[in-house]
Amino acid sequence: MKPALLCALAALGSTALGCRGSTRSPVRTVQELSEAAREGDLGRVMRLIGPRTRARLEADARRAGEQAGRRKIQPSELLAAGWTPPRYEFTEVYEVSRSGEVAEVEIAGRHGERERVEVVREGKEWKVELP
């Protein structure tokens, strides 16, 4: 997982809509994840990330706990949400493509930065898969 992307997503919160509705679209899901990351709301971040990202975090947390030998580490403890300022400020978020249960969303920054993220449908909700 790249904590830097999570930090960069946090920048989107300053330009995203302020409402906290349901995750109606892949774009809105990315915006909500950004807002949650900026606020350091780890519970909300965990609810908005996709199943592959969660599984990776769970495996990493299990390994970290085994190596530490002291306590069980929660997957959310591995997130860097709200720790640092974002890498860049987002100016645009738009859906590039959608095929069934998978969408690709591009995030564009003020100085030409671009990042694409995969958003997957899990049940009735869209979730962001972090690289």
Protein backbone atom coordinates (compact mmCIF):
# COMPACT_ATOMS: atom_id res chain seq x y z
CA MET A 1 0.00 0.00 0.00
CA LYS A 2 1.20 3.51 -0.71
CA PRO A 3 0.44 5.82 2.24
CA ALA A 4 1.43 8.68 -0.07
CA LEU A 5 -1.65 8.04 -2.23
CA LEU A 6 -3.85 8.09 0.86
CA CYS A 7 -2.24 11.40 1.83
CA ALA A 8 -2.73 12.72 -1.69
CA LEU A 9 -6.36 11.67 -1.60
CA ALA A 10 -6.73 13.80 1.51
CA ALA A 11 -6.13 16.89 -0.61
CA LEU A 12 -9.28 16.21 -2.55
CA GLY A 13 -11.36 17.00 0.52
CA SER A 14 -10.66 20.69 0.09
CA THR A 15 -12.21 20.69 -3.38
CA ALA A 16 -14.80 17.93 -3.01
CA LEU A 17 -18.41 18.39 -2.16
CA GLY A 18 -18.97 18.67 1.55
CA CYS A 19 -21.89 16.27 1.84
CA ARG A 20 -21.48 12.87 3.42
CA GLY A 21 -24.05 10.91 1.46
CA SER A 22 -23.86 7.29 0.50
CA THR A 23 -21.24 6.15 -1.97
CA ARG A 24 -23.46 6.61 -5.02
CA SER A 25 -20.75 6.63 -7.67
CA PRO A 26 -17.11 5.67 -8.06
CA VAL A 27 -16.15 9.38 -8.20
CA ARG A 28 -18.08 10.21 -5.03
CA THR A 29 -16.48 7.24 -3.28
CA VAL A 30 -12.99 8.57 -4.10
CA GLN A 31 -14.08 12.01 -2.85
CA GLU A 32 -15.41 10.51 0.39
CA LEU A 33 -12.20 8.53 0.92
CA SER A 34 -10.21 11.72 0.45
CA GLU A 35 -12.35 13.55 2.97
CA ALA A 36 -12.06 10.73 5.52
CA ALA A 37 -8.27 10.54 5.05
CA ARG A 38 -7.87 14.29 5.45
CA GLU A 39 -9.89 14.17 8.67
CA GLY A 40 -7.93 11.15 9.97
CA ASP A 41 -11.17 9.15 10.26
CA LEU A 42 -9.67 5.65 10.11
CA GLY A 43 -12.98 3.86 10.60
CA ARG A 44 -14.50 5.63 7.64
CA VAL A 45 -11.36 5.05 5.55
CA MET A 46 -11.57 1.32 6.31
CA ARG A 47 -15.23 1.26 5.23
CA LEU A 48 -14.37 2.94 1.91
CA ILE A 49 -11.42 0.78 0.83
CA GLY A 50 -11.86 -2.27 -1.34
CA PRO A 51 -11.64 -5.93 -0.40
CA ARG A 52 -8.16 -6.48 -1.89
CA THR A 53 -6.79 -3.45 -0.04
CA ARG A 54 -8.42 -4.60 3.22
CA ALA A 55 -7.04 -8.13 2.77
CA ARG A 56 -3.55 -6.74 2.17
CA LEU A 57 -3.81 -4.54 5.28
CA GLU A 58 -5.08 -7.47 7.35
CA ALA A 59 -2.17 -9.68 6.23
CA ASP A 60 0.35 -6.89 6.88
CA ALA A 61 -1.16 -6.24 10.34
CA ARG A 62 -1.03 -9.97 11.18
CA ARG A 63 2.65 -10.14 10.15
CA ALA A 64 3.48 -6.98 12.09
CA GLY A 65 1.77 -8.39 15.18
CA GLU A 66 3.68 -11.66 14.88
CA GLN A 67 6.97 -9.81 14.54
CA ALA A 68 6.20 -7.47 17.43
CA GLY A 69 5.14 -10.45 19.53
CA ARG A 70 3.33 -8.23 21.99
CA ARG A 71 -0.14 -7.49 20.72
CA LYS A 72 -2.55 -7.80 17.87
CA ILE A 73 -2.23 -4.90 15.45
CA GLN A 74 -5.39 -3.64 13.79
CA PRO A 75 -5.28 -3.07 10.01
CA SER A 76 -6.37 0.55 10.49
CA GLU A 77 -3.19 1.15 12.54
CA LEU A 78 -1.20 0.75 9.32
CA LEU A 79 -2.95 3.68 7.61
CA ALA A 80 -1.30 7.09 7.49
CA ALA A 81 -4.60 8.99 7.20
CA GLY A 82 -4.35 12.54 8.48
CA TRP A 83 -0.68 12.29 9.46
CA THR A 84 0.90 14.51 6.84
CA PRO A 85 -0.13 17.22 4.42
CA PRO A 86 -1.20 15.94 1.00
CA ARG A 87 1.34 15.62 -1.83
CA TYR A 88 -0.74 17.84 -4.08
CA GLU A 89 -4.12 19.56 -4.25
CA PHE A 90 -6.68 17.88 -6.48
CA THR A 91 -8.62 19.95 -8.96
CA GLU A 92 -10.52 17.24 -10.83
CA VAL A 93 -11.85 13.78 -10.17
CA TYR A 94 -13.58 11.92 -12.97
CA GLU A 95 -14.52 8.45 -14.08
CA VAL A 96 -12.35 7.19 -16.92
CA SER A 97 -14.07 3.86 -17.51
CA ARG A 98 -16.50 1.38 -16.04
CA SER A 99 -16.99 -2.27 -16.85
CA GLY A 100 -19.52 -4.07 -14.69
CA GLU A 101 -18.33 -3.99 -11.09
CA VAL A 102 -15.05 -2.16 -11.75
CA ALA A 103 -14.44 1.51 -12.53
CA GLU A 104 -11.29 3.52 -13.05
CA VAL A 105 -11.21 7.05 -11.62
CA GLU A 106 -8.56 9.64 -12.45
CA ILE A 107 -7.52 12.34 -10.01
CA ALA A 108 -5.83 15.41 -11.47
CA GLY A 109 -3.79 17.98 -9.59
CA ARG A 110 -3.30 21.69 -10.12
CA HIS A 111 0.23 21.26 -11.52
CA GLY A 112 -0.44 18.40 -13.91
CA GLU A 113 -0.23 15.55 -11.39
CA ARG A 114 -2.38 12.56 -12.31
CA GLU A 115 -3.21 9.37 -10.48
CA ARG A 116 -5.66 6.60 -11.40
CA VAL A 117 -7.37 4.39 -8.88
CA GLU A 118 -9.56 1.35 -9.27
CA VAL A 119 -12.98 1.46 -7.64
CA VAL A 120 -14.92 -1.80 -7.25
CA ARG A 121 -18.51 -2.55 -6.37
CA GLU A 122 -18.89 -4.55 -3.17
CA GLY A 123 -22.54 -5.32 -2.61
CA LYS A 124 -24.35 -2.04 -3.29
CA GLU A 125 -21.39 0.20 -2.46
CA TRP A 126 -18.33 1.34 -4.40
CA LYS A 127 -14.93 0.86 -2.69
CA VAL A 128 -11.48 2.20 -3.57
CA GLU A 129 -8.63 -0.23 -4.16
CA LEU A 130 -5.36 1.44 -3.18
CA PRO A 131 -2.17 0.50 -5.04
